[in-house]
Amino acid sequence: MGSTERTILTRVKSQLATINGGDSYNYDFSTADAVAIGSLHVGVAPRAPGIYLYPLNIQSSRNAGRTLLRNYDRELTIQIDVFVPRTAEGADNAVLAAVDAVSDVMKVLENDPEVNGTARDVELDVSAFDGEQIQLPGYGVGTIQMHIEYTERRGA
């Protein structure tokens, strides 16, 4: 069965893999291994276009008047790193490519704010920059922190 957090991560991964470069999308992340859970190996260039998911943290809380006594309110934060090739020279091209890519990701994630019925809501914090800033010349890079709010039954 797995944990709620596992369910959320696998759902987010499968959602991102539906970005197919058609319809209203700019990039194609639907090919095999274009979306992965886990980190890059040191010294290996990231796949471009490619998306990497990392669970950052889980915060549990109880809110008087809102949280049932048998439950916890939780927030899972997932970092989503998006890598795309720049199509011409210049930092502006890399940044604009990254902006287009994170726009694709936001469309998909915001279309399912309840993460297939597992969550109450999601919020996204997004940035885009030239890969040159992190010693990855030739890439546009987007970073998204996805905050997922959900309820977990105590002891479940």
N, C-alpha and C. Protein backbone atom coordinates (compact mmCIF):
# COMPACT_ATOMS: atom_id res chain seq x y z
N MET A 1 0.81 -1.19 0.00
CA MET A 1 0.00 0.00 0.00
C MET A 1 0.86 1.26 0.00
N GLY A 2 1.78 1.39 0.92
CA GLY A 2 2.65 2.56 0.96
C GLY A 2 2.05 3.71 1.74
N SER A 3 2.85 4.71 1.98
CA SER A 3 2.46 5.88 2.77
C SER A 3 1.70 6.89 1.92
N THR A 4 1.07 7.83 2.60
CA THR A 4 0.40 8.93 1.92
C THR A 4 1.42 9.73 1.11
N GLU A 5 2.59 9.93 1.69
CA GLU A 5 3.64 10.69 1.00
C GLU A 5 4.09 9.98 -0.28
N ARG A 6 4.19 8.68 -0.23
CA ARG A 6 4.53 7.90 -1.44
C ARG A 6 3.45 8.06 -2.50
N THR A 7 2.19 7.99 -2.07
CA THR A 7 1.06 8.16 -2.99
C THR A 7 1.13 9.52 -3.67
N ILE A 8 1.43 10.57 -2.89
CA ILE A 8 1.52 11.92 -3.45
C ILE A 8 2.68 12.01 -4.44
N LEU A 9 3.85 11.52 -4.05
CA LEU A 9 5.02 11.59 -4.95
C LEU A 9 4.78 10.86 -6.26
N THR A 10 4.22 9.67 -6.20
CA THR A 10 4.00 8.91 -7.44
C THR A 10 2.93 9.56 -8.30
N ARG A 11 1.93 10.18 -7.67
CA ARG A 11 0.90 10.89 -8.44
C ARG A 11 1.50 12.10 -9.13
N VAL A 12 2.31 12.87 -8.41
CA VAL A 12 2.95 14.05 -9.02
C VAL A 12 3.84 13.62 -10.18
N LYS A 13 4.60 12.56 -9.99
CA LYS A 13 5.46 12.06 -11.07
C LYS A 13 4.64 11.68 -12.30
N SER A 14 3.55 10.95 -12.09
CA SER A 14 2.74 10.53 -13.24
C SER A 14 2.06 11.73 -13.91
N GLN A 15 1.65 12.74 -13.13
CA GLN A 15 1.07 13.94 -13.71
C GLN A 15 2.09 14.65 -14.61
N LEU A 16 3.31 14.80 -14.10
CA LEU A 16 4.34 15.51 -14.87
C LEU A 16 4.68 14.78 -16.17
N ALA A 17 4.59 13.47 -16.15
CA ALA A 17 4.89 12.68 -17.35
C ALA A 17 3.81 12.83 -18.42
N THR A 18 2.71 13.51 -18.11
CA THR A 18 1.68 13.75 -19.13
C THR A 18 1.98 15.00 -19.96
N ILE A 19 2.99 15.76 -19.58
CA ILE A 19 3.36 16.95 -20.37
C ILE A 19 4.03 16.45 -21.64
N ASN A 20 3.33 16.59 -22.76
CA ASN A 20 3.75 15.92 -23.99
C ASN A 20 4.21 16.83 -25.12
N GLY A 21 4.35 18.10 -24.86
CA GLY A 21 4.82 19.01 -25.91
C GLY A 21 3.72 19.41 -26.87
N GLY A 22 2.57 18.77 -26.82
CA GLY A 22 1.44 19.12 -27.67
C GLY A 22 0.49 20.03 -26.92
N ASP A 23 -0.69 20.17 -27.46
CA ASP A 23 -1.73 20.99 -26.84
C ASP A 23 -1.16 22.36 -26.49
N SER A 24 -1.18 22.73 -25.23
CA SER A 24 -0.70 24.05 -24.82
C SER A 24 0.66 23.98 -24.14
N TYR A 25 1.37 22.87 -24.31
CA TYR A 25 2.66 22.69 -23.65
C TYR A 25 3.83 23.10 -24.55
N ASN A 26 4.90 23.56 -23.90
CA ASN A 26 6.10 23.98 -24.62
C ASN A 26 7.12 22.86 -24.76
N TYR A 27 7.16 21.93 -23.80
CA TYR A 27 8.16 20.87 -23.76
C TYR A 27 7.52 19.50 -23.64
N ASP A 28 8.29 18.48 -23.96
CA ASP A 28 7.82 17.09 -23.87
C ASP A 28 8.58 16.38 -22.76
N PHE A 29 7.88 16.07 -21.69
CA PHE A 29 8.45 15.32 -20.57
C PHE A 29 7.82 13.92 -20.48
N SER A 30 7.18 13.48 -21.56
CA SER A 30 6.46 12.22 -21.53
C SER A 30 7.31 11.02 -21.94
N THR A 31 8.53 11.25 -22.38
CA THR A 31 9.38 10.14 -22.78
C THR A 31 9.90 9.39 -21.56
N ALA A 32 10.34 8.16 -21.79
CA ALA A 32 10.83 7.31 -20.69
C ALA A 32 11.95 8.02 -19.93
N ASP A 33 11.87 7.99 -18.62
CA ASP A 33 12.88 8.53 -17.72
C ASP A 33 13.04 10.05 -17.77
N ALA A 34 12.09 10.76 -18.37
CA ALA A 34 12.18 12.23 -18.38
C ALA A 34 11.79 12.81 -17.03
N VAL A 35 11.02 12.06 -16.24
CA VAL A 35 10.61 12.49 -14.90
C VAL A 35 11.10 11.43 -13.92
N ALA A 36 11.85 11.86 -12.91
CA ALA A 36 12.42 10.90 -11.96
C ALA A 36 12.27 11.40 -10.53
N ILE A 37 12.09 10.44 -9.62
CA ILE A 37 12.12 10.75 -8.20
C ILE A 37 13.53 10.43 -7.72
N GLY A 38 14.19 11.40 -7.14
CA GLY A 38 15.54 11.18 -6.65
C GLY A 38 16.52 12.14 -7.26
N SER A 39 17.75 12.03 -6.81
CA SER A 39 18.76 13.02 -7.16
C SER A 39 19.60 12.59 -8.35
N LEU A 40 20.27 13.59 -8.89
CA LEU A 40 21.23 13.37 -9.95
C LEU A 40 22.52 12.82 -9.36
N HIS A 41 23.24 12.05 -10.12
CA HIS A 41 24.55 11.58 -9.67
C HIS A 41 25.58 12.68 -9.93
N VAL A 42 26.48 12.87 -8.99
CA VAL A 42 27.51 13.90 -9.13
C VAL A 42 28.32 13.64 -10.40
N GLY A 43 28.53 14.68 -11.17
CA GLY A 43 29.32 14.57 -12.38
C GLY A 43 28.54 14.14 -13.61
N VAL A 44 27.24 13.86 -13.44
CA VAL A 44 26.40 13.46 -14.57
C VAL A 44 25.51 14.64 -14.94
N ALA A 45 25.52 15.00 -16.21
CA ALA A 45 24.68 16.11 -16.66
C ALA A 45 23.21 15.72 -16.55
N PRO A 46 22.35 16.65 -16.15
CA PRO A 46 20.93 16.33 -16.07
C PRO A 46 20.32 16.12 -17.45
N ARG A 47 19.30 15.31 -17.48
CA ARG A 47 18.56 15.09 -18.72
C ARG A 47 17.83 16.39 -19.06
N ALA A 48 17.84 16.74 -20.33
CA ALA A 48 17.14 17.95 -20.75
C ALA A 48 16.40 17.67 -22.06
N PRO A 49 15.09 17.77 -22.09
CA PRO A 49 14.26 18.17 -20.96
C PRO A 49 14.13 17.04 -19.93
N GLY A 50 14.17 17.43 -18.68
CA GLY A 50 14.03 16.47 -17.60
C GLY A 50 13.54 17.12 -16.33
N ILE A 51 12.87 16.31 -15.51
CA ILE A 51 12.33 16.79 -14.24
C ILE A 51 12.76 15.82 -13.14
N TYR A 52 13.24 16.37 -12.03
CA TYR A 52 13.67 15.57 -10.88
C TYR A 52 12.90 16.02 -9.64
N LEU A 53 12.32 15.06 -8.92
CA LEU A 53 11.52 15.33 -7.72
C LEU A 53 12.28 14.90 -6.48
N TYR A 54 12.25 15.75 -5.45
CA TYR A 54 12.90 15.45 -4.19
C TYR A 54 11.95 15.80 -3.04
N PRO A 55 11.58 14.86 -2.19
CA PRO A 55 10.81 15.25 -1.01
C PRO A 55 11.72 15.99 -0.04
N LEU A 56 11.35 17.21 0.32
CA LEU A 56 12.21 18.01 1.19
C LEU A 56 11.89 17.82 2.67
N ASN A 57 10.62 18.01 3.03
CA ASN A 57 10.26 17.85 4.44
C ASN A 57 8.76 17.64 4.60
N ILE A 58 8.41 17.16 5.78
CA ILE A 58 7.00 16.99 6.16
C ILE A 58 6.83 17.69 7.49
N GLN A 59 5.84 18.56 7.58
CA GLN A 59 5.53 19.24 8.83
C GLN A 59 4.17 18.77 9.31
N SER A 60 4.10 18.35 10.56
CA SER A 60 2.84 17.96 11.18
C SER A 60 2.41 19.04 12.15
N SER A 61 1.11 19.29 12.20
CA SER A 61 0.60 20.28 13.14
C SER A 61 -0.82 19.91 13.53
N ARG A 62 -1.26 20.52 14.60
CA ARG A 62 -2.65 20.37 15.03
C ARG A 62 -3.16 21.78 15.26
N ASN A 63 -4.26 22.09 14.64
CA ASN A 63 -4.82 23.44 14.72
C ASN A 63 -6.14 23.41 15.45
N ALA A 64 -6.18 24.08 16.59
CA ALA A 64 -7.40 24.11 17.41
C ALA A 64 -8.59 24.59 16.60
N GLY A 65 -9.68 23.86 16.70
CA GLY A 65 -10.89 24.23 15.99
C GLY A 65 -10.95 23.76 14.56
N ARG A 66 -9.83 23.27 14.04
CA ARG A 66 -9.81 22.80 12.65
C ARG A 66 -9.43 21.34 12.55
N THR A 67 -8.43 20.91 13.31
CA THR A 67 -7.94 19.54 13.22
C THR A 67 -8.74 18.64 14.16
N LEU A 68 -9.28 17.57 13.62
CA LEU A 68 -9.97 16.60 14.47
C LEU A 68 -8.96 15.99 15.43
N LEU A 69 -9.42 15.59 16.61
CA LEU A 69 -8.52 15.06 17.64
C LEU A 69 -7.75 13.83 17.17
N ARG A 70 -8.31 13.05 16.29
CA ARG A 70 -7.64 11.82 15.83
C ARG A 70 -6.71 12.06 14.64
N ASN A 71 -6.59 13.30 14.20
CA ASN A 71 -5.83 13.60 12.98
C ASN A 71 -4.65 14.54 13.22
N TYR A 72 -3.82 14.63 12.20
CA TYR A 72 -2.78 15.65 12.09
C TYR A 72 -2.95 16.36 10.76
N ASP A 73 -2.73 17.66 10.75
CA ASP A 73 -2.62 18.39 9.50
C ASP A 73 -1.16 18.30 9.09
N ARG A 74 -0.93 18.00 7.84
CA ARG A 74 0.46 17.87 7.36
C ARG A 74 0.67 18.70 6.11
N GLU A 75 1.93 19.07 5.94
CA GLU A 75 2.35 19.72 4.70
C GLU A 75 3.63 19.04 4.23
N LEU A 76 3.55 18.47 3.05
CA LEU A 76 4.71 17.85 2.39
C LEU A 76 5.24 18.85 1.39
N THR A 77 6.54 19.11 1.43
CA THR A 77 7.17 19.98 0.45
C THR A 77 8.02 19.13 -0.48
N ILE A 78 7.74 19.27 -1.76
CA ILE A 78 8.50 18.56 -2.80
C ILE A 78 9.24 19.61 -3.62
N GLN A 79 10.54 19.41 -3.80
CA GLN A 79 11.29 20.26 -4.71
C GLN A 79 11.27 19.61 -6.08
N ILE A 80 10.93 20.40 -7.07
CA ILE A 80 10.86 19.93 -8.45
C ILE A 80 11.87 20.74 -9.25
N ASP A 81 12.92 20.08 -9.73
CA ASP A 81 13.93 20.75 -10.55
C ASP A 81 13.69 20.39 -12.01
N VAL A 82 13.62 21.41 -12.85
CA VAL A 82 13.31 21.24 -14.27
C VAL A 82 14.50 21.74 -15.08
N PHE A 83 14.96 20.90 -16.00
CA PHE A 83 16.10 21.24 -16.85
C PHE A 83 15.67 21.18 -18.31
N VAL A 84 15.95 22.25 -19.05
CA VAL A 84 15.67 22.28 -20.49
C VAL A 84 16.88 22.86 -21.20
N PRO A 85 17.09 22.46 -22.46
CA PRO A 85 18.21 23.04 -23.20
C PRO A 85 17.86 24.46 -23.65
N ARG A 86 18.84 25.32 -23.62
CA ARG A 86 18.57 26.63 -24.21
C ARG A 86 18.69 26.47 -25.72
N THR A 87 17.97 27.30 -26.44
CA THR A 87 17.91 27.13 -27.90
C THR A 87 18.81 28.11 -28.65
N ALA A 88 19.40 29.06 -27.94
CA ALA A 88 20.33 30.01 -28.55
C ALA A 88 21.25 30.52 -27.45
N GLU A 89 22.30 31.20 -27.83
CA GLU A 89 23.23 31.75 -26.85
C GLU A 89 22.56 32.87 -26.05
N GLY A 90 23.04 33.03 -24.85
CA GLY A 90 22.59 34.14 -24.02
C GLY A 90 21.78 33.70 -22.82
N ALA A 91 22.02 34.41 -21.72
CA ALA A 91 21.32 34.10 -20.47
C ALA A 91 19.82 34.31 -20.62
N ASP A 92 19.42 35.31 -21.41
CA ASP A 92 17.98 35.56 -21.56
C ASP A 92 17.30 34.36 -22.20
N ASN A 93 17.93 33.71 -23.16
CA ASN A 93 17.33 32.54 -23.79
C ASN A 93 17.16 31.40 -22.80
N ALA A 94 18.16 31.17 -21.97
CA ALA A 94 18.09 30.09 -20.97
C ALA A 94 16.98 30.37 -19.96
N VAL A 95 16.88 31.61 -19.52
CA VAL A 95 15.86 31.97 -18.53
C VAL A 95 14.46 31.84 -19.14
N LEU A 96 14.29 32.31 -20.36
CA LEU A 96 12.99 32.21 -21.02
C LEU A 96 12.59 30.76 -21.27
N ALA A 97 13.57 29.92 -21.63
CA ALA A 97 13.28 28.49 -21.80
C ALA A 97 12.83 27.88 -20.47
N ALA A 98 13.49 28.25 -19.39
CA ALA A 98 13.11 27.73 -18.07
C ALA A 98 11.73 28.23 -17.66
N VAL A 99 11.41 29.47 -17.97
CA VAL A 99 10.09 30.02 -17.66
C VAL A 99 9.00 29.24 -18.40
N ASP A 100 9.24 28.94 -19.67
CA ASP A 100 8.27 28.14 -20.43
C ASP A 100 8.10 26.75 -19.82
N ALA A 101 9.20 26.14 -19.40
CA ALA A 101 9.14 24.79 -18.82
C ALA A 101 8.40 24.78 -17.49
N VAL A 102 8.68 25.74 -16.61
CA VAL A 102 7.97 25.74 -15.33
C VAL A 102 6.50 26.11 -15.52
N SER A 103 6.20 26.86 -16.56
CA SER A 103 4.80 27.14 -16.88
C SER A 103 4.06 25.84 -17.20
N ASP A 104 4.69 24.96 -17.98
CA ASP A 104 4.11 23.65 -18.28
C ASP A 104 3.84 22.87 -17.00
N VAL A 105 4.82 22.86 -16.11
CA VAL A 105 4.70 22.12 -14.86
C VAL A 105 3.58 22.70 -13.99
N MET A 106 3.52 24.02 -13.90
CA MET A 106 2.48 24.65 -13.09
C MET A 106 1.09 24.32 -13.61
N LYS A 107 0.91 24.34 -14.94
CA LYS A 107 -0.40 24.01 -15.53
C LYS A 107 -0.87 22.64 -15.07
N VAL A 108 0.01 21.67 -15.15
CA VAL A 108 -0.37 20.30 -14.78
C VAL A 108 -0.66 20.18 -13.28
N LEU A 109 0.21 20.73 -12.45
CA LEU A 109 0.04 20.58 -11.01
C LEU A 109 -1.17 21.35 -10.49
N GLU A 110 -1.41 22.53 -11.02
CA GLU A 110 -2.54 23.33 -10.56
C GLU A 110 -3.88 22.81 -11.09
N ASN A 111 -3.83 21.95 -12.09
CA ASN A 111 -5.04 21.34 -12.62
C ASN A 111 -5.58 20.25 -11.69
N ASP A 112 -4.76 19.76 -10.77
CA ASP A 112 -5.17 18.72 -9.82
C ASP A 112 -4.73 19.13 -8.41
N PRO A 113 -5.33 20.20 -7.85
CA PRO A 113 -4.87 20.71 -6.55
C PRO A 113 -5.14 19.76 -5.39
N GLU A 114 -5.99 18.77 -5.59
CA GLU A 114 -6.26 17.80 -4.53
C GLU A 114 -5.44 16.52 -4.70
N VAL A 115 -4.52 16.53 -5.66
CA VAL A 115 -3.61 15.41 -5.92
C VAL A 115 -4.40 14.09 -5.90
N ASN A 116 -5.36 14.03 -6.80
CA ASN A 116 -6.20 12.85 -6.96
C ASN A 116 -6.96 12.49 -5.68
N GLY A 117 -7.41 13.50 -4.94
CA GLY A 117 -8.20 13.27 -3.74
C GLY A 117 -7.41 13.03 -2.47
N THR A 118 -6.08 13.12 -2.53
CA THR A 118 -5.24 12.88 -1.36
C THR A 118 -5.01 14.14 -0.53
N ALA A 119 -5.05 15.30 -1.16
CA ALA A 119 -4.68 16.55 -0.50
C ALA A 119 -5.85 17.53 -0.46
N ARG A 120 -5.68 18.56 0.38
CA ARG A 120 -6.65 19.66 0.41
C ARG A 120 -6.31 20.71 -0.64
N ASP A 121 -5.02 20.97 -0.81
CA ASP A 121 -4.61 22.02 -1.74
C ASP A 121 -3.11 21.96 -1.96
N VAL A 122 -2.66 22.63 -3.01
CA VAL A 122 -1.23 22.77 -3.28
C VAL A 122 -0.91 24.24 -3.51
N GLU A 123 0.31 24.62 -3.17
CA GLU A 123 0.83 25.95 -3.47
C GLU A 123 2.21 25.77 -4.07
N LEU A 124 2.56 26.66 -5.00
CA LEU A 124 3.84 26.55 -5.70
C LEU A 124 4.66 27.82 -5.52
N ASP A 125 5.94 27.65 -5.22
CA ASP A 125 6.92 28.74 -5.23
C ASP A 125 7.88 28.42 -6.37
N VAL A 126 8.03 29.34 -7.32
CA VAL A 126 8.72 29.04 -8.57
C VAL A 126 9.84 30.05 -8.84
N SER A 127 10.95 29.54 -9.37
CA SER A 127 12.02 30.42 -9.86
C SER A 127 12.60 29.80 -11.13
N ALA A 128 13.17 30.66 -11.98
CA ALA A 128 13.79 30.21 -13.22
C ALA A 128 15.08 30.99 -13.42
N PHE A 129 16.11 30.30 -13.92
CA PHE A 129 17.40 30.97 -14.10
C PHE A 129 18.24 30.27 -15.15
N ASP A 130 19.34 30.92 -15.50
CA ASP A 130 20.30 30.40 -16.46
C ASP A 130 21.16 29.35 -15.76
N GLY A 131 21.28 28.18 -16.35
CA GLY A 131 22.09 27.12 -15.77
C GLY A 131 23.53 27.52 -15.53
N GLU A 132 24.01 28.50 -16.24
CA GLU A 132 25.38 29.01 -16.05
C GLU A 132 25.60 29.42 -14.59
N GLN A 133 24.55 29.88 -13.91
CA GLN A 133 24.65 30.31 -12.52
C GLN A 133 25.01 29.16 -11.58
N ILE A 134 24.71 27.94 -11.98
CA ILE A 134 25.04 26.77 -11.14
C ILE A 134 25.99 25.83 -11.88
N GLN A 135 26.78 26.41 -12.76
CA GLN A 135 27.80 25.68 -13.50
C GLN A 135 27.22 24.60 -14.41
N LEU A 136 26.07 24.90 -15.01
CA LEU A 136 25.46 24.02 -16.01
C LEU A 136 25.17 24.84 -17.27
N PRO A 137 26.22 25.25 -17.98
CA PRO A 137 26.01 26.05 -19.17
C PRO A 137 25.19 25.28 -20.21
N GLY A 138 24.35 26.01 -20.93
CA GLY A 138 23.53 25.38 -21.96
C GLY A 138 22.16 24.96 -21.49
N TYR A 139 21.87 25.16 -20.20
CA TYR A 139 20.58 24.76 -19.64
C TYR A 139 19.79 25.97 -19.16
N GLY A 140 18.48 25.87 -19.29
CA GLY A 140 17.56 26.71 -18.55
C GLY A 140 17.11 25.85 -17.37
N VAL A 141 17.06 26.42 -16.19
CA VAL A 141 16.74 25.65 -14.98
C VAL A 141 15.58 26.31 -14.25
N GLY A 142 14.62 25.50 -13.88
CA GLY A 142 13.51 25.97 -13.07
C GLY A 142 13.46 25.17 -11.78
N THR A 143 13.15 25.83 -10.70
CA THR A 143 13.00 25.17 -9.41
C THR A 143 11.63 25.53 -8.84
N ILE A 144 10.91 24.51 -8.46
CA ILE A 144 9.58 24.70 -7.89
C ILE A 144 9.54 24.01 -6.54
N GLN A 145 9.08 24.72 -5.54
CA GLN A 145 8.78 24.07 -4.27
C GLN A 145 7.26 23.94 -4.21
N MET A 146 6.82 22.69 -4.20
CA MET A 146 5.39 22.37 -4.17
C MET A 146 5.02 22.03 -2.74
N HIS A 147 4.10 22.79 -2.17
CA HIS A 147 3.63 22.57 -0.81
C HIS A 147 2.26 21.92 -0.89
N ILE A 148 2.13 20.72 -0.35
CA ILE A 148 0.90 19.96 -0.41
C ILE A 148 0.32 19.83 0.99
N GLU A 149 -0.88 20.34 1.17
CA GLU A 149 -1.56 20.26 2.47
C GLU A 149 -2.50 19.06 2.46
N TYR A 150 -2.42 18.23 3.52
CA TYR A 150 -3.30 17.07 3.61
C TYR A 150 -3.50 16.71 5.08
N THR A 151 -4.41 15.80 5.33
CA THR A 151 -4.71 15.35 6.69
C THR A 151 -4.34 13.88 6.80
N GLU A 152 -3.72 13.54 7.91
CA GLU A 152 -3.33 12.15 8.17
C GLU A 152 -3.95 11.72 9.49
N ARG A 153 -4.56 10.56 9.50
CA ARG A 153 -5.13 10.03 10.74
C ARG A 153 -4.01 9.58 11.66
N ARG A 154 -4.09 9.96 12.92
CA ARG A 154 -3.05 9.64 13.88
C ARG A 154 -2.88 8.11 13.97
N GLY A 155 -1.63 7.67 13.88
CA GLY A 155 -1.32 6.24 14.01
C GLY A 155 -1.61 5.41 12.79
N ALA A 156 -2.10 6.03 11.73
CA ALA A 156 -2.43 5.28 10.52
C ALA A 156 -1.25 5.17 9.59
